Amino acid sequence: MMIRILCLVFCTAMTNMIWSQDLHVGSGGSFFISPDAFTYVTNDINVVGDLIVTSDTSTQKSGSLIVKGTATGEITYERNIPDANWHLVSAPVTSQPIGAFATNTENAVKTQALLYAIGKYNNANIKDARWEHYTAATASGINFVNGKGYSTSRTAAGNFTFKGGMATADVSVTIPENSITPFVASVSEITGSHVWSVVGNPYPSFLPANNTANGTSNVLLNNSTILDQYKQYINVWNGSTYEAINHSSPAYYIAPGQAFMVDAVGNNQSFVFSEDTQAPQLGATAVFYRATTTPEIIVYLSNGTETKKTTLRYFNTSTNGLDVGYDAGTFDTSFPFAIDTHLVSDSPGMDFTIQCLPDTNYEDTIVPLSIKAAANETITFSTEVAGLPDGLEVYLEDKEARTITNISTGNHQVVLGESLDGIGRFYLHNSVNGILSTEDLASTLNIYKTSNNNLRITSLQEGPATVKIFSVLGKEVTSSSFQMKTVNDIAIPNHLAKGIYIVQLITNEVKQSRKIIIE
């Protein structure tokens, strides 16, 4: 056996690091990179024998290989999978045949009838049919696409073994790959379009995902222009649910073989992985929420069977409106049970799983909670807080029951008399001195479209109201009077042309205005 390493620098300070100018693994030779090690080659690599990089989920460590020159020959990456659940994976090599991968007994890929537990994502399909699984016939002659993500499952814990060439340049993936209507920032398309794609780390090394990992070059920052402004995050499947990772999250590095979902601004966008951002592992990556000093409130909602959550984070650079790359619109709004929020200011009428707010004037900020739950269901609110100012507590307002409950110190249970789907009933408050009654609360008004034909108004106020819609030239196009309730739906005339309109709400002789866009 022969391993030949031609190098100018060999790092001896740490035995798990090798820096080499050139690397050649000869015929019959083996070069092994353990889960806690990495090799950096400044020039070229040539593999005739075996070069194997490994990972270990029990220690949350993965080996890394970074090559700045050219790579010839094939490398092997062993991606450890901790269980038999479904996982989003990507091939950290360039030429792994899907059929050979599926039939390799060591990979223990699940099969059912003629289907392999290897699926590609097609967002042109209806919700429950978006994963298209390969068969022996459809996988024949096809390689995993470097930079694309796939859904896979093993029969038991073990390694997925990928073998093929190595990417040493930028990798670009076209997303999405169908001809659906491009996404624009209107409520109708927010609720009706699905432009998600699955991509994944194409390298046998780590990539910084967000600004907290690398503030000058990272996966989200480098693709900001092609991602939807409301959903600039990577959506990581943790085995049971999706976790949104964006610039408000702790430093996150995408592991070799890890795939995730992203939402493009339209069809045929180029999602790019930059090879110069590759890094060795700098810490455990399988933990989604690490200890952090960032002020944070997580609100949980349980129905006894499942628990959902929504997150508020506070920064000195955040606003009450949209903070692109920090606020995260909800991935899928079709679930029958959910908790999210709407933006405190200038709500586009969509749900957010992460909302970032200023770390000042906590007590002046009222956050609308968007709840989905069935009639007669018993729901329980609870909260987890970190880094808030001393004495600041979290209160839940129930508009219908006219109650204010401190959920910092305990849970709050509600039996719903009717189903909920959106904002209007529950609001979140922060206070140091406590909230005694609903009379202590300021009015909260939200005006937004649920479609081009419906305007929704939610408010803490009650009583007679008039809503008028004006063109940008000041011409009144419609007017309607009604009795304000917690949630009010007002029809928008069908004849309105596309464009920007001003909605004026008059209650108790007070006028309040909001802007909407008819698409």
Protein backbone atom coordinates (compact mmCIF):
# COMPACT_ATOMS: atom_id res chain seq x y z
CA MET A 1 0.00 0.00 0.00
CA MET A 2 1.19 3.51 -0.71
CA ILE A 3 0.06 6.90 0.52
CA ARG A 4 2.08 9.83 -0.75
CA ILE A 5 1.55 13.24 0.81
CA LEU A 6 3.51 16.11 -0.71
CA CYS A 7 3.20 19.08 1.61
CA LEU A 8 4.86 22.28 2.65
CA VAL A 9 3.09 22.49 6.00
CA PHE A 10 2.14 19.66 8.35
CA CYS A 11 0.27 20.77 11.45
CA THR A 12 1.57 18.90 14.50
CA ALA A 13 0.00 21.14 17.14
CA MET A 14 -3.26 19.20 16.76
CA THR A 15 -3.14 15.57 15.66
CA ASN A 16 -6.58 15.77 14.04
CA MET A 17 -5.56 18.44 11.52
CA ILE A 18 -3.51 17.98 8.36
CA TRP A 19 -2.52 20.86 6.08
CA SER A 20 -1.05 19.72 2.78
CA GLN A 21 0.07 21.34 -0.47
CA ASP A 22 -0.75 18.24 -2.53
CA LEU A 23 -2.24 14.88 -1.63
CA HIS A 24 -1.90 11.63 -3.56
CA VAL A 25 -3.37 8.35 -2.37
CA GLY A 26 -1.73 5.62 -4.41
CA SER A 27 -3.06 2.27 -5.60
CA GLY A 28 -3.79 0.00 -2.64
CA GLY A 29 -3.40 2.89 -0.20
CA SER A 30 -5.93 4.22 2.28
CA PHE A 31 -6.33 7.69 3.77
CA PHE A 32 -8.82 7.98 6.64
CA ILE A 33 -10.33 11.18 8.06
CA SER A 34 -12.05 10.51 11.39
CA PRO A 35 -15.17 12.34 12.65
CA ASP A 36 -13.09 14.74 14.77
CA ALA A 37 -10.50 15.53 12.07
CA PHE A 38 -10.08 17.50 8.87
CA THR A 39 -7.62 17.69 5.99
CA TYR A 40 -6.91 20.89 4.04
CA VAL A 41 -5.17 20.61 0.68
CA THR A 42 -3.99 23.93 -0.76
CA ASN A 43 -3.35 22.60 -4.28
CA ASP A 44 -4.45 19.33 -5.89
CA ILE A 45 -5.62 15.92 -4.77
CA ASN A 46 -5.40 12.63 -6.65
CA VAL A 47 -7.03 9.48 -5.31
CA VAL A 48 -6.27 6.10 -6.82
CA GLY A 49 -6.67 4.09 -3.64
CA ASP A 50 -9.21 4.81 -0.89
CA LEU A 51 -9.90 8.15 0.78
CA ILE A 52 -12.65 7.83 3.40
CA VAL A 53 -14.23 10.63 5.47
CA THR A 54 -16.51 9.61 8.36
CA SER A 55 -19.06 11.09 10.77
CA ASP A 56 -20.57 10.12 14.12
CA THR A 57 -23.98 11.38 15.24
CA SER A 58 -23.47 10.18 18.82
CA THR A 59 -20.70 12.77 19.21
CA GLN A 60 -22.26 15.17 16.68
CA LYS A 61 -18.95 15.27 14.80
CA SER A 62 -18.11 14.91 11.12
CA GLY A 63 -14.79 14.82 9.33
CA SER A 64 -13.99 17.41 6.66
CA LEU A 65 -11.91 17.46 3.47
CA ILE A 66 -11.22 20.81 1.81
CA VAL A 67 -9.33 21.01 -1.50
CA LYS A 68 -8.50 24.38 -3.04
CA GLY A 69 -7.08 23.01 -6.30
CA THR A 70 -8.35 20.21 -8.51
CA ALA A 71 -9.52 16.76 -7.44
CA THR A 72 -9.19 13.57 -9.49
CA GLY A 73 -10.37 10.12 -8.52
CA GLU A 74 -13.15 9.20 -6.12
CA ILE A 75 -13.60 9.85 -2.39
CA THR A 76 -15.95 8.10 0.04
CA TYR A 77 -18.06 9.92 2.62
CA GLU A 78 -19.79 7.90 5.33
CA ARG A 79 -22.76 9.92 6.62
CA ASN A 80 -23.95 8.44 9.92
CA ILE A 81 -27.75 8.24 10.32
CA PRO A 82 -28.86 7.82 13.96
CA ASP A 83 -32.21 6.09 13.44
CA ALA A 84 -34.78 4.72 10.99
CA ASN A 85 -36.61 8.05 10.62
CA TRP A 86 -36.79 10.05 7.43
CA HIS A 87 -33.90 12.46 6.87
CA LEU A 88 -33.07 15.13 4.30
CA VAL A 89 -29.67 14.30 2.82
CA SER A 90 -27.47 15.47 -0.03
CA ALA A 91 -24.59 13.70 -1.71
CA PRO A 92 -21.20 15.19 -0.70
CA VAL A 93 -19.80 13.72 -3.93
CA THR A 94 -20.50 14.46 -7.59
CA SER A 95 -21.07 11.07 -9.21
CA GLN A 96 -22.94 8.69 -6.90
CA PRO A 97 -25.46 6.56 -8.86
CA ILE A 98 -28.84 6.47 -7.12
CA GLY A 99 -29.50 2.85 -8.10
CA ALA A 100 -26.16 1.61 -6.74
CA PHE A 101 -26.72 3.59 -3.55
CA ALA A 102 -30.19 2.09 -3.06
CA THR A 103 -29.08 -1.51 -3.63
CA ASN A 104 -25.93 -1.30 -1.51
CA THR A 105 -26.92 -3.53 1.42
CA GLU A 106 -24.70 -1.55 3.79
CA ASN A 107 -26.89 1.52 3.16
CA ALA A 108 -29.97 -0.47 4.30
CA VAL A 109 -32.33 1.76 2.31
CA LYS A 110 -35.97 0.95 3.08
CA THR A 111 -38.09 -0.42 0.26
CA GLN A 112 -41.84 -0.78 -0.14
CA ALA A 113 -43.24 -2.64 -3.09
CA LEU A 114 -41.08 -1.30 -5.93
CA LEU A 115 -40.32 2.03 -4.24
CA TYR A 116 -36.98 2.99 -2.68
CA ALA A 117 -36.99 5.23 0.38
CA ILE A 118 -35.22 7.85 -1.70
CA GLY A 119 -37.38 10.72 -2.85
CA LYS A 120 -36.96 13.95 -4.81
CA TYR A 121 -39.21 16.94 -4.15
CA ASN A 122 -41.62 18.26 -6.77
CA ASN A 123 -43.51 21.30 -5.51
CA ALA A 124 -45.76 21.35 -8.57
CA ASN A 125 -47.63 18.40 -7.06
CA ILE A 126 -50.35 18.62 -4.41
CA LYS A 127 -49.21 18.65 -0.79
CA ASP A 128 -49.27 14.92 -0.04
CA ALA A 129 -47.69 13.92 -3.36
CA ARG A 130 -44.65 16.19 -3.54
CA TRP A 131 -42.13 13.49 -2.66
CA GLU A 132 -41.57 11.34 -5.75
CA HIS A 133 -39.77 8.12 -4.82
CA TYR A 134 -37.39 6.29 -7.09
CA THR A 135 -37.79 2.72 -8.32
CA ALA A 136 -35.16 0.47 -9.87
CA ALA A 137 -36.38 1.65 -13.26
CA THR A 138 -36.46 5.40 -12.56
CA ALA A 139 -33.11 5.33 -10.72
CA SER A 140 -31.33 3.49 -13.51
CA GLY A 141 -28.51 5.54 -15.00
CA ILE A 142 -29.19 8.55 -12.75
CA ASN A 143 -26.77 10.09 -10.24
CA PHE A 144 -27.59 12.16 -7.18
CA VAL A 145 -27.39 15.78 -8.33
CA ASN A 146 -24.63 17.56 -6.44
CA GLY A 147 -26.28 20.33 -4.43
CA LYS A 148 -29.80 18.86 -4.49
CA GLY A 149 -31.48 17.35 -1.44
CA TYR A 150 -33.37 14.07 -1.13
CA SER A 151 -35.56 12.40 1.48
CA THR A 152 -34.18 9.05 2.64
CA SER A 153 -34.71 6.45 5.35
CA ARG A 154 -32.75 3.43 6.57
CA THR A 155 -34.15 0.27 8.12
CA ALA A 156 -32.01 0.98 11.21
CA ALA A 157 -29.26 3.31 12.40
CA GLY A 158 -26.04 3.12 10.41
CA ASN A 159 -24.03 4.79 7.65
CA PHE A 160 -25.04 6.04 4.25
CA THR A 161 -21.96 5.59 2.07
CA PHE A 162 -21.48 8.02 -0.81
CA LYS A 163 -18.66 7.44 -3.32
CA GLY A 164 -17.77 9.63 -6.26
CA GLY A 165 -15.89 12.67 -7.47
CA MET A 166 -15.40 15.77 -5.38
CA ALA A 167 -16.68 19.29 -6.09
CA THR A 168 -13.90 21.89 -5.92
CA ALA A 169 -15.70 24.87 -7.49
CA ASP A 170 -18.94 26.73 -6.79
CA VAL A 171 -22.01 24.51 -7.15
CA SER A 172 -25.19 25.99 -8.67
CA VAL A 173 -28.61 24.31 -8.50
CA THR A 174 -31.70 25.50 -10.40
CA ILE A 175 -34.76 25.88 -8.14
CA PRO A 176 -37.60 25.20 -8.49
CA GLU A 177 -37.62 22.94 -11.51
CA ASN A 178 -41.21 23.40 -12.65
CA SER A 179 -43.34 26.05 -14.30
CA ILE A 180 -45.57 27.17 -11.45
CA THR A 181 -46.55 30.81 -11.14
CA PRO A 182 -43.64 32.85 -9.69
CA PHE A 183 -44.11 34.09 -6.14
CA VAL A 184 -44.79 37.76 -5.48
CA ALA A 185 -45.51 39.49 -2.21
CA SER A 186 -49.28 39.43 -2.23
CA VAL A 187 -51.53 37.73 0.25
CA SER A 188 -53.21 35.54 -2.37
CA GLU A 189 -49.90 34.08 -3.48
CA ILE A 190 -48.55 33.93 0.05
CA THR A 191 -51.39 31.59 0.92
CA GLY A 192 -51.67 29.83 -2.42
CA SER A 193 -48.19 29.32 -3.89
CA HIS A 194 -45.61 26.73 -2.98
CA VAL A 195 -42.14 27.49 -4.31
CA TRP A 196 -40.09 25.36 -1.92
CA SER A 197 -37.16 23.25 -3.06
CA VAL A 198 -34.75 20.86 -1.36
CA VAL A 199 -31.05 21.59 -1.68
CA GLY A 200 -28.05 20.38 0.28
CA ASN A 201 -24.39 20.77 1.08
CA PRO A 202 -22.44 19.51 -1.98
CA TYR A 203 -19.04 19.33 -0.25
CA PRO A 204 -17.33 16.93 2.20
CA SER A 205 -16.93 19.88 4.59
CA PHE A 206 -19.08 22.35 6.50
CA LEU A 207 -20.74 25.54 5.22
CA PRO A 208 -21.75 28.57 7.33
CA ALA A 209 -25.51 29.04 7.07
CA ASN A 210 -26.05 32.49 8.61
CA ASN A 211 -24.45 35.79 9.60
CA THR A 212 -23.77 34.57 13.12
CA ALA A 213 -21.57 31.82 11.64
CA ASN A 214 -19.86 34.03 9.05
CA GLY A 215 -20.90 37.66 8.74
CA THR A 216 -19.33 38.28 5.32
CA SER A 217 -20.12 35.13 3.31
CA ASN A 218 -22.66 32.41 4.09
CA VAL A 219 -25.33 30.32 2.37
CA LEU A 220 -28.25 32.63 3.22
CA LEU A 221 -26.42 35.88 2.54
CA ASN A 222 -25.04 34.65 -0.78
CA ASN A 223 -28.52 33.63 -1.97
CA SER A 224 -30.53 36.51 -0.52
CA THR A 225 -31.55 37.91 -3.90
CA ILE A 226 -33.21 34.69 -5.09
CA LEU A 227 -35.05 33.81 -1.87
CA ASP A 228 -38.50 35.12 -0.96
CA GLN A 229 -38.16 38.15 1.29
CA TYR A 230 -40.51 36.66 3.89
CA LYS A 231 -38.72 33.30 3.99
CA GLN A 232 -35.00 33.91 3.92
CA TYR A 233 -34.05 30.92 6.02
CA ILE A 234 -33.04 27.31 5.66
CA ASN A 235 -35.70 24.88 6.79
CA VAL A 236 -34.02 21.95 8.54
CA TRP A 237 -35.86 18.72 9.35
CA ASN A 238 -34.84 17.58 12.85
CA GLY A 239 -36.52 14.18 12.71
CA SER A 240 -39.95 15.28 13.87
CA THR A 241 -40.50 18.84 12.67
CA TYR A 242 -38.92 21.61 10.64
CA GLU A 243 -36.67 24.21 12.28
CA ALA A 244 -36.18 27.62 10.63
CA ILE A 245 -32.54 28.77 10.74
CA ASN A 246 -31.91 32.38 9.76
CA HIS A 247 -29.69 35.30 10.74
CA SER A 248 -31.43 35.61 14.11
CA SER A 249 -30.46 32.03 14.99
CA PRO A 250 -27.23 31.04 16.77
CA ALA A 251 -24.26 30.28 14.52
CA TYR A 252 -25.18 27.32 12.35
CA TYR A 253 -22.95 25.25 10.07
CA ILE A 254 -24.44 22.90 7.46
CA ALA A 255 -22.85 19.47 7.78
CA PRO A 256 -21.64 17.33 4.87
CA GLY A 257 -24.58 15.31 3.59
CA GLN A 258 -27.16 17.64 5.17
CA ALA A 259 -30.04 18.91 3.04
CA PHE A 260 -32.70 21.53 3.78
CA MET A 261 -35.62 23.38 2.20
CA VAL A 262 -35.58 26.91 0.77
CA ASP A 263 -38.27 29.11 -0.78
CA ALA A 264 -37.34 30.82 -4.06
CA VAL A 265 -38.75 34.15 -5.15
CA GLY A 266 -39.79 32.61 -8.47
CA ASN A 267 -39.20 29.82 -10.95
CA ASN A 268 -35.77 28.78 -12.29
CA GLN A 269 -33.61 30.58 -9.75
CA SER A 270 -29.94 29.61 -9.30
CA PHE A 271 -29.10 28.61 -5.73
CA VAL A 272 -25.32 28.78 -5.30
CA PHE A 273 -23.01 27.09 -2.82
CA SER A 274 -19.70 28.99 -2.69
CA GLU A 275 -16.66 26.71 -2.39
CA ASP A 276 -14.61 29.41 -0.65
CA THR A 277 -16.94 29.32 2.37
CA GLN A 278 -16.03 25.72 3.25
CA ALA A 279 -14.88 25.16 6.81
CA PRO A 280 -14.03 22.30 9.15
CA GLN A 281 -16.41 21.56 11.98
CA LEU A 282 -16.21 24.28 14.60
CA GLY A 283 -18.65 22.71 17.06
CA ALA A 284 -21.55 20.28 17.38
CA THR A 285 -24.12 20.97 14.67
CA ALA A 286 -26.96 18.60 15.51
CA VAL A 287 -28.24 20.93 18.23
CA PHE A 288 -30.78 23.42 16.91
CA TYR A 289 -30.95 25.76 19.89
CA ARG A 290 -27.77 26.45 21.79
CA ALA A 291 -27.28 28.60 24.87
CA THR A 292 -27.48 32.23 23.82
CA THR A 293 -27.77 35.67 25.40
CA THR A 294 -30.16 36.90 22.70
CA PRO A 295 -33.45 37.81 24.42
CA GLU A 296 -35.99 35.23 23.31
CA ILE A 297 -39.55 34.15 24.01
CA ILE A 298 -40.79 30.78 22.77
CA VAL A 299 -44.56 30.31 23.06
CA TYR A 300 -45.82 26.73 23.03
CA LEU A 301 -49.31 25.53 22.20
CA SER A 302 -50.45 22.00 23.04
CA ASN A 303 -53.70 20.13 22.44
CA GLY A 304 -52.67 17.08 24.46
CA THR A 305 -51.56 15.19 21.35
CA GLU A 306 -49.06 17.50 19.74
CA THR A 307 -47.16 20.64 20.68
CA LYS A 308 -46.34 23.55 18.36
CA LYS A 309 -44.26 26.65 18.98
CA THR A 310 -43.49 30.14 17.71
CA THR A 311 -40.45 32.25 18.53
CA LEU A 312 -39.85 35.93 19.26
CA ARG A 313 -36.27 37.28 19.33
CA TYR A 314 -35.15 40.77 20.29
CA PHE A 315 -32.28 42.75 18.72
CA ASN A 316 -31.25 46.39 18.81
CA THR A 317 -31.34 46.49 14.98
CA SER A 318 -34.81 44.96 14.57
CA THR A 319 -38.05 46.78 13.80
CA ASN A 320 -41.73 46.06 14.40
CA GLY A 321 -42.15 45.47 10.67
CA LEU A 322 -40.45 43.06 8.28
CA ASP A 323 -36.76 42.44 8.93
CA VAL A 324 -35.58 40.50 5.89
CA GLY A 325 -33.43 37.53 6.83
CA TYR A 326 -34.50 37.73 10.48
CA ASP A 327 -38.28 37.32 10.39
CA ALA A 328 -39.27 33.89 9.08
CA GLY A 329 -42.61 33.25 7.40
CA THR A 330 -44.16 29.90 8.25
CA PHE A 331 -43.20 27.00 5.98
CA ASP A 332 -46.60 25.32 5.68
CA THR A 333 -49.87 26.93 6.73
CA SER A 334 -52.06 23.93 5.91
CA PHE A 335 -51.65 22.15 9.24
CA PRO A 336 -54.90 22.04 11.26
CA PHE A 337 -53.12 22.79 14.56
CA ALA A 338 -50.52 25.55 14.79
CA ILE A 339 -49.30 28.67 16.56
CA ASP A 340 -47.54 31.56 14.81
CA THR A 341 -47.48 35.35 14.98
CA HIS A 342 -48.21 38.24 12.64
CA LEU A 343 -45.85 41.18 12.31
CA VAL A 344 -46.55 43.87 14.88
CA SER A 345 -46.46 46.58 12.17
CA ASP A 346 -47.34 46.50 8.47
CA SER A 347 -48.53 42.90 8.53
CA PRO A 348 -48.74 41.34 5.05
CA GLY A 349 -51.39 38.99 6.43
CA MET A 350 -49.15 35.95 6.72
CA ASP A 351 -47.99 33.77 9.62
CA PHE A 352 -44.44 33.96 10.96
CA THR A 353 -42.66 31.19 12.84
CA ILE A 354 -39.89 33.60 13.92
CA GLN A 355 -40.45 37.30 14.50
CA CYS A 356 -37.65 39.66 15.52
CA LEU A 357 -38.45 42.83 17.45
CA PRO A 358 -36.53 45.76 18.99
CA ASP A 359 -34.88 45.05 22.35
CA THR A 360 -36.34 48.29 23.73
CA ASN A 361 -39.88 49.30 24.69
CA TYR A 362 -40.86 45.70 25.41
CA GLU A 363 -44.00 46.84 27.20
CA ASP A 364 -45.24 48.88 24.23
CA THR A 365 -45.20 45.92 21.85
CA ILE A 366 -48.36 43.82 21.42
CA VAL A 367 -47.86 40.68 19.32
CA PRO A 368 -50.87 39.09 17.54
CA LEU A 369 -50.88 35.29 17.91
CA SER A 370 -52.17 33.30 14.95
CA ILE A 371 -53.84 30.12 16.18
CA LYS A 372 -55.19 27.13 14.28
CA ALA A 373 -57.30 24.78 16.41
CA ALA A 374 -60.56 22.89 16.20
CA ALA A 375 -63.83 23.70 17.94
CA ASN A 376 -64.24 22.11 21.40
CA GLU A 377 -60.49 21.49 21.54
CA THR A 378 -58.66 22.11 24.82
CA ILE A 379 -55.48 24.08 24.15
CA THR A 380 -52.71 24.94 26.59
CA PHE A 381 -50.32 27.89 26.32
CA SER A 382 -46.89 27.89 27.94
CA THR A 383 -43.68 29.80 27.40
CA GLU A 384 -39.91 29.55 27.66
CA VAL A 385 -37.87 32.74 27.99
CA ALA A 386 -34.17 33.59 27.89
CA GLY A 387 -32.22 36.82 28.26
CA LEU A 388 -35.17 39.12 28.98
CA PRO A 389 -34.66 42.18 31.24
CA ASP A 390 -35.01 41.46 34.94
CA GLY A 391 -38.62 41.36 36.09
CA LEU A 392 -40.12 41.34 32.60
CA GLU A 393 -42.90 38.78 32.34
CA VAL A 394 -45.02 37.45 29.48
CA TYR A 395 -48.81 37.84 29.49
CA LEU A 396 -51.43 36.23 27.29
CA GLU A 397 -54.54 38.23 26.48
CA ASP A 398 -57.70 36.38 25.52
CA LYS A 399 -59.89 38.96 23.82
CA GLU A 400 -63.00 36.77 23.81
CA ALA A 401 -62.76 35.75 27.47
CA ARG A 402 -61.49 39.22 28.46
CA THR A 403 -58.68 37.76 30.55
CA ILE A 404 -54.99 38.56 31.04
CA THR A 405 -52.83 35.66 32.23
CA ASN A 406 -49.18 35.57 33.24
CA ILE A 407 -47.77 32.61 31.31
CA SER A 408 -44.21 33.20 32.52
CA THR A 409 -45.08 31.49 35.77
CA GLY A 410 -47.41 28.73 34.58
CA ASN A 411 -49.55 27.26 31.84
CA HIS A 412 -52.91 28.61 30.70
CA GLN A 413 -55.64 26.30 29.42
CA VAL A 414 -58.55 27.30 27.19
CA VAL A 415 -61.50 25.26 25.90
CA LEU A 416 -62.46 26.61 22.49
CA GLY A 417 -66.12 27.14 21.75
CA GLU A 418 -65.41 27.51 18.04
CA SER A 419 -62.55 26.77 15.69
CA LEU A 420 -59.72 29.28 15.23
CA ASP A 421 -57.81 30.07 12.08
CA GLY A 422 -55.70 33.21 12.33
CA ILE A 423 -55.26 36.22 14.57
CA GLY A 424 -57.83 38.24 16.50
CA ARG A 425 -58.42 36.42 19.77
CA PHE A 426 -55.03 35.99 21.46
CA TYR A 427 -52.31 38.60 21.94
CA LEU A 428 -48.94 38.54 23.70
CA HIS A 429 -47.78 41.31 26.04
CA ASN A 430 -44.70 41.99 28.15
CA SER A 431 -44.79 43.83 31.46
CA VAL A 432 -42.65 44.43 34.52
CA ASN A 433 -45.41 45.68 36.81
CA GLY A 434 -48.14 43.31 35.64
CA ILE A 435 -51.35 43.85 33.67
CA LEU A 436 -54.46 44.11 35.80
CA SER A 437 -57.24 44.20 33.23
CA THR A 438 -58.00 44.67 29.55
CA GLU A 439 -58.62 48.34 30.30
CA ASP A 440 -54.84 48.72 30.75
CA LEU A 441 -54.20 47.68 27.13
CA ALA A 442 -53.67 49.84 24.10
CA SER A 443 -55.71 49.21 20.98
CA THR A 444 -54.28 46.77 18.46
CA LEU A 445 -55.39 47.05 14.85
CA ASN A 446 -54.49 44.78 11.97
CA ILE A 447 -55.73 45.32 8.42
CA TYR A 448 -54.64 42.94 5.66
CA LYS A 449 -55.89 40.90 2.70
CA THR A 450 -56.67 37.23 2.95
CA SER A 451 -57.25 37.28 -0.82
CA ASN A 452 -57.79 39.84 -3.56
CA ASN A 453 -61.51 39.67 -2.71
CA ASN A 454 -61.41 39.86 1.08
CA LEU A 455 -60.12 42.35 3.61
CA ARG A 456 -59.63 41.22 7.21
CA ILE A 457 -59.68 43.64 10.14
CA THR A 458 -58.83 42.48 13.66
CA SER A 459 -58.95 44.79 16.64
CA LEU A 460 -59.35 45.04 20.39
CA GLN A 461 -62.07 47.62 19.85
CA GLU A 462 -65.81 47.05 19.52
CA GLY A 463 -68.61 49.24 18.19
CA PRO A 464 -69.70 50.83 14.92
CA ALA A 465 -67.07 51.27 12.21
CA THR A 466 -66.75 52.34 8.59
CA VAL A 467 -64.11 51.14 6.17
CA LYS A 468 -63.29 52.99 2.96
CA ILE A 469 -60.87 52.03 0.21
CA PHE A 470 -59.15 54.74 -1.86
CA SER A 471 -56.93 54.62 -4.93
CA VAL A 472 -53.46 56.20 -4.64
CA LEU A 473 -54.97 59.23 -6.42
CA GLY A 474 -57.44 59.67 -3.57
CA LYS A 475 -60.56 58.39 -5.33
CA GLU A 476 -62.95 56.47 -3.07
CA VAL A 477 -63.67 53.08 -4.67
CA THR A 478 -65.81 51.46 -1.95
CA SER A 479 -67.29 52.12 1.49
CA SER A 480 -68.88 49.79 4.05
CA SER A 481 -70.27 50.19 7.56
CA PHE A 482 -70.35 47.38 10.11
CA GLN A 483 -70.13 46.51 13.82
CA MET A 484 -66.53 45.81 14.88
CA LYS A 485 -65.86 42.34 16.27
CA THR A 486 -62.64 40.56 17.13
CA VAL A 487 -62.32 39.47 13.50
CA ASN A 488 -64.10 41.25 10.62
CA ASP A 489 -64.09 40.17 6.96
CA ILE A 490 -64.96 42.87 4.42
CA ALA A 491 -65.56 42.09 0.73
CA ILE A 492 -63.27 43.82 -1.77
CA PRO A 493 -64.99 44.67 -5.06
CA ASN A 494 -64.04 42.39 -7.95
CA HIS A 495 -63.69 45.26 -10.40
CA LEU A 496 -60.66 46.88 -8.75
CA ALA A 497 -57.63 47.11 -11.03
CA LYS A 498 -54.25 45.84 -9.90
CA GLY A 499 -52.32 48.37 -7.84
CA ILE A 500 -51.83 50.00 -4.45
CA TYR A 501 -54.85 51.12 -2.41
CA ILE A 502 -55.33 52.87 0.92
CA VAL A 503 -57.73 51.35 3.45
CA GLN A 504 -59.20 53.85 5.91
CA LEU A 505 -60.95 52.58 9.06
CA ILE A 506 -63.10 55.01 11.05
CA THR A 507 -64.07 54.03 14.63
CA ASN A 508 -65.25 56.41 17.33
CA GLU A 509 -64.42 59.31 14.97
CA VAL A 510 -60.77 58.16 14.87
CA LYS A 511 -59.30 57.45 11.42
CA GLN A 512 -56.58 54.85 10.87
CA SER A 513 -55.10 53.93 7.49
CA ARG A 514 -53.19 50.98 6.01
CA LYS A 515 -51.83 50.20 2.52
CA ILE A 516 -52.81 47.07 0.56
CA ILE A 517 -51.83 45.73 -2.86
CA ILE A 518 -54.35 44.22 -5.29
CA GLU A 519 -52.62 41.70 -7.57
